[in-house]
Protein backbone atom coordinates (compact mmCIF):
# COMPACT_ATOMS: atom_id res chain seq x y z
CA MET A 1 130.79 139.71 143.64
CA SER A 2 128.32 137.08 143.32
CA ALA A 3 124.60 137.98 143.75
CA GLU A 4 120.99 136.12 142.90
CA PRO A 5 119.05 137.33 139.84
CA GLN A 6 115.59 137.45 142.66
CA LYS A 7 117.45 140.92 144.11
CA ASN A 8 116.00 142.38 140.73
CA HIS A 9 112.39 142.34 141.24
CA LEU A 10 111.04 141.24 138.20
CA LEU A 11 113.43 138.05 137.40
CA ALA A 12 112.17 137.96 141.45
CA CYS A 13 108.35 137.12 139.74
CA LEU A 14 109.16 134.91 137.10
CA PRO A 15 108.04 131.26 137.58
CA ASP A 16 110.84 128.90 138.48
CA GLU A 17 110.47 127.51 134.75
CA VAL A 18 111.08 130.69 133.07
CA HIS A 19 113.58 131.35 135.68
CA ARG A 20 115.52 128.17 134.87
CA ARG A 21 115.73 128.71 131.21
CA LEU A 22 116.38 132.43 131.86
CA SER A 23 119.25 131.30 134.29
CA ALA A 24 121.90 129.96 132.11
CA HIS A 25 122.60 133.20 130.02
CA LEU A 26 121.72 135.60 132.42
CA GLU A 27 125.56 137.57 133.24
CA LEU A 28 126.28 139.41 136.09
CA VAL A 29 128.07 142.62 134.93
CA PRO A 30 129.80 145.83 137.12
CA MET A 31 128.14 148.95 136.12
CA LYS A 32 130.23 151.63 136.59
CA LEU A 33 129.22 155.49 137.21
CA GLY A 34 128.51 157.50 134.16
CA GLN A 35 128.83 154.17 131.92
CA VAL A 36 127.17 154.46 128.75
CA VAL A 37 124.83 151.47 128.45
CA TYR A 38 123.45 152.46 125.01
CA ASP A 39 123.22 155.51 123.06
CA SER A 40 120.79 157.22 120.90
CA ASP A 41 120.18 155.36 117.43
CA VAL A 42 122.53 152.21 118.14
CA ILE A 43 121.10 148.57 117.67
CA LEU A 44 120.69 147.01 121.68
CA ASP A 45 122.78 143.44 122.28
CA TYR A 46 121.22 143.24 125.22
CA VAL A 47 118.66 144.00 128.31
CA TYR A 48 120.00 144.57 131.72
CA PHE A 49 118.22 143.62 134.89
CA PRO A 50 119.77 146.07 138.01
CA ILE A 51 120.36 144.68 141.00
CA ASP A 52 121.97 146.89 143.45
CA CYS A 53 122.80 150.43 140.74
CA ILE A 54 120.43 153.38 139.23
CA ILE A 55 120.45 153.56 135.09
CA SER A 56 119.01 157.41 133.97
CA LEU A 57 117.44 157.26 130.68
CA LEU A 58 117.85 160.37 129.00
CA TYR A 59 116.76 162.62 125.83
CA VAL A 60 119.96 164.35 124.40
CA MET A 61 119.26 167.11 122.41
CA ALA A 62 121.27 167.91 119.26
CA ASP A 63 123.37 170.43 120.80
CA GLY A 64 124.18 168.30 123.62
CA ASP A 65 122.59 169.04 126.10
CA SER A 66 120.39 165.90 127.89
CA SER A 67 117.10 165.50 130.91
CA GLU A 68 116.46 162.43 132.23
CA ILE A 69 112.98 160.98 131.53
CA ALA A 70 112.84 157.92 134.01
CA MET A 71 115.40 155.90 136.40
CA VAL A 72 115.43 152.14 136.59
CA GLY A 73 117.10 150.47 139.15
CA ASN A 74 116.15 146.76 140.96
CA GLU A 75 112.56 147.32 140.02
CA GLY A 76 113.23 147.20 136.30
CA ILE A 77 114.74 146.39 132.96
CA VAL A 78 116.59 148.80 131.19
CA GLY A 79 116.59 148.32 127.30
CA ILE A 80 112.77 148.00 126.57
CA SER A 81 112.73 148.53 122.74
CA LEU A 82 114.32 144.67 121.90
CA TYR A 83 111.18 143.55 122.84
CA MET A 84 108.94 146.66 122.04
CA GLY A 85 110.03 145.96 118.26
CA GLY A 86 111.93 148.74 118.11
CA GLU A 87 115.67 147.69 118.31
CA ALA A 88 117.48 151.13 118.82
CA THR A 89 115.98 153.83 120.63
CA THR A 90 116.48 158.04 120.02
CA GLY A 91 117.90 158.08 124.19
CA ARG A 92 120.53 157.22 125.99
CA ALA A 93 121.47 154.90 129.44
CA ILE A 94 123.49 156.08 131.92
CA VAL A 95 124.52 154.65 135.27
CA GLN A 96 123.94 156.83 137.53
CA SER A 97 124.71 154.83 140.58
CA ASP A 98 127.18 152.62 139.91
CA GLY A 99 126.58 148.93 141.01
CA HIS A 100 125.71 145.74 139.17
CA ALA A 101 123.33 144.15 136.82
CA PHE A 102 122.74 140.70 135.19
CA ARG A 103 122.65 140.94 131.85
CA LEU A 104 120.84 138.78 128.76
CA SER A 105 121.12 139.28 125.17
CA GLY A 106 118.47 140.56 122.97
CA ARG A 107 118.25 137.44 120.95
CA PHE A 108 117.27 135.24 124.06
CA LEU A 109 114.89 137.51 125.69
CA LYS A 110 112.90 138.05 122.52
CA GLN A 111 112.61 134.25 121.72
CA GLU A 112 111.27 134.32 125.68
CA PHE A 113 108.95 137.45 125.35
CA ASN A 114 108.00 135.85 121.88
CA ARG A 115 106.22 132.42 124.11
CA ALA A 116 103.54 134.75 124.88
CA GLY A 117 104.13 133.53 128.33
CA PRO A 118 104.06 135.17 131.74
CA LEU A 119 107.87 137.03 130.87
CA GLN A 120 105.97 138.85 127.83
CA ARG A 121 103.16 139.64 130.46
CA LEU A 122 105.23 141.19 133.59
CA LEU A 123 107.29 142.84 130.34
CA LEU A 124 104.59 144.74 129.22
CA ARG A 125 102.87 145.61 132.52
CA TYR A 126 106.19 146.69 133.41
CA THR A 127 106.13 148.80 130.21
CA GLN A 128 102.94 150.51 131.03
CA ALA A 129 104.55 151.76 134.73
CA LEU A 130 107.48 153.35 133.03
CA VAL A 131 105.93 155.45 130.05
CA THR A 132 103.79 156.92 133.48
CA LEU A 133 107.27 157.02 135.00
CA MET A 134 107.79 159.18 131.53
CA THR A 135 105.28 161.01 131.57
CA GLN A 136 105.04 162.49 135.06
CA THR A 137 108.44 163.20 135.25
CA ALA A 138 108.35 165.40 131.73
CA ALA A 139 104.75 166.80 133.91
CA CYS A 140 107.24 167.47 136.64
CA ASN A 141 109.59 169.09 135.21
CA LYS A 142 107.42 171.71 133.43
CA PHE A 143 105.65 172.25 136.31
CA HIS A 144 107.01 172.29 139.71
CA SER A 145 109.85 173.89 141.57
CA VAL A 146 112.97 172.64 141.75
CA PRO A 147 112.84 171.57 145.32
CA GLN A 148 109.76 169.40 144.50
CA GLN A 149 112.26 167.96 141.67
CA LEU A 150 114.74 167.37 143.86
CA SER A 151 112.38 165.71 146.73
CA ARG A 152 110.49 163.16 144.28
CA TRP A 153 114.29 162.40 142.33
CA LEU A 154 115.52 161.39 145.62
CA LEU A 155 112.20 159.35 146.67
CA LEU A 156 112.27 157.45 143.17
CA GLY A 157 116.03 156.62 143.88
CA LEU A 158 115.82 155.38 147.79
CA ASP A 159 112.92 152.77 146.35
CA ARG A 160 115.97 151.90 143.71
CA LEU A 161 119.03 151.08 146.49
CA PRO A 162 119.15 149.07 149.62
CA SER A 163 119.98 152.07 151.73
CA ASN A 164 118.77 155.56 152.81
CA LYS A 165 121.81 157.35 151.01
CA MET A 166 122.50 157.84 146.89
CA MET A 167 126.23 159.42 145.76
CA MET A 168 125.43 162.49 143.16
CA THR A 169 127.45 165.11 142.66
CA GLN A 170 124.79 168.79 142.25
CA GLY A 171 126.47 168.90 138.79
CA LEU A 172 125.18 165.60 137.88
CA ILE A 173 121.66 165.78 139.38
CA ALA A 174 121.29 169.25 137.80
CA ASN A 175 121.76 167.31 134.35
CA MET A 176 119.67 165.04 135.00
CA LEU A 177 116.80 167.72 135.98
CA GLY A 178 117.89 170.18 133.53
CA VAL A 179 117.79 172.74 135.71
CA ARG A 180 120.57 175.26 136.79
CA ARG A 181 123.04 173.94 139.39
CA GLU A 182 122.55 176.70 141.17
CA GLY A 183 118.63 175.54 141.51
CA VAL A 184 119.85 172.40 142.93
CA THR A 185 122.52 173.81 145.42
CA ASP A 186 119.78 176.07 146.62
CA ALA A 187 117.22 173.54 146.82
CA ALA A 188 119.28 171.07 148.49
CA GLY A 189 120.04 174.01 151.10
CA ALA A 190 116.93 175.17 151.87
CA LEU A 191 115.80 170.70 152.46
CA GLN A 192 119.00 169.98 154.90
CA ALA A 193 117.77 173.47 156.76
CA GLU A 194 114.11 171.70 157.03
CA GLY A 195 116.16 168.58 158.74
CA LEU A 196 115.19 166.55 155.51
CA ILE A 197 118.01 165.44 154.48
CA ARG A 198 122.24 165.54 154.82
CA TYR A 199 124.31 166.41 151.82
CA ASP A 200 128.21 166.10 152.26
CA ARG A 201 130.57 165.39 149.94
CA GLY A 202 128.59 164.52 147.23
CA THR A 203 126.56 161.86 149.03
CA PHE A 204 122.67 162.47 150.14
CA THR A 205 120.84 161.31 153.39
CA VAL A 206 117.82 161.42 153.69
CA LEU A 207 117.23 161.68 157.56
CA ASP A 208 113.30 162.33 157.03
CA ARG A 209 111.38 160.15 154.24
CA PRO A 210 107.52 160.78 155.40
CA GLY A 211 108.53 164.90 155.41
CA LEU A 212 110.48 164.62 151.94
CA GLU A 213 107.27 163.06 150.26
CA ARG A 214 104.82 165.82 151.65
CA LYS A 215 107.61 167.88 150.33
CA SER A 216 107.93 166.27 146.93
CA CYS A 217 104.46 167.42 144.52
CA GLU A 218 101.83 164.77 143.71
CA CYS A 219 104.27 163.13 141.14
CA TYR A 220 106.36 160.80 143.18
CA ALA A 221 102.96 159.57 144.65
CA VAL A 222 101.14 159.42 141.27
CA VAL A 223 104.25 157.13 140.15
CA LYS A 224 104.11 154.87 142.95
CA ARG A 225 100.48 154.41 142.47
CA GLU A 226 101.22 153.06 139.50
CA PHE A 227 103.80 150.84 139.50
CA ASP A 228 102.08 149.36 142.44
CA ARG A 229 98.98 148.77 140.35
CA LEU A 230 100.73 146.75 137.66
CA LEU A 231 103.55 145.33 139.23
CA PRO A 232 102.50 144.89 143.05
CA ASN A 233 104.20 141.77 143.55
CA VAL A 234 107.10 143.74 142.46
CA THR A 235 107.52 146.99 144.25
CA ALA A 236 108.56 147.14 148.12
CA SER A 237 105.67 149.14 150.27
């Protein structure tokens, strides 16, 4: 597959001078469904700029249970610990929807970040938006119903994919949301009965996006406003 780095919105926002320095070090790599991009307490060697895949950031409990705290697609970068100074994280990153990403060595990223130029400013704004997403996800999972959570999750996913379809089993979604599979089954059935989505053999198709936005809680709108505010030239309307 051939792809341009500009398909990742962060890379697309960089000035030509910065892009020229990065381009020779960017490597297009396949991201396979279920692939663990990094795991807990492991020093990161690379960051990833997705272009047509989605990567879930998970918090993993001691007994192995996990819950999604954020998702990253073509709007962002995976591996913020490298430039935030932590080098490792207590969480896990796993490919939720397969595709491709551009990989960049952590050493080179830190060199460019430490120039204190456009890349640093862009990544710090992105990190603030990501923190909002993580915070809102935690609140949503505690206070809102499963249909609302599922609606939010689908909308966030669609914002990071080029079509109105997402391939994901209900079991995997249940793991991401930290709820029982039966709850996701019931929620998906209710959304389908209202004509908002169609679910068939692991594929969610959104039929009525405005309706799905109305069905979702305020969490989706809060996150989208913050991304648009901090990264006005990155996120699409």
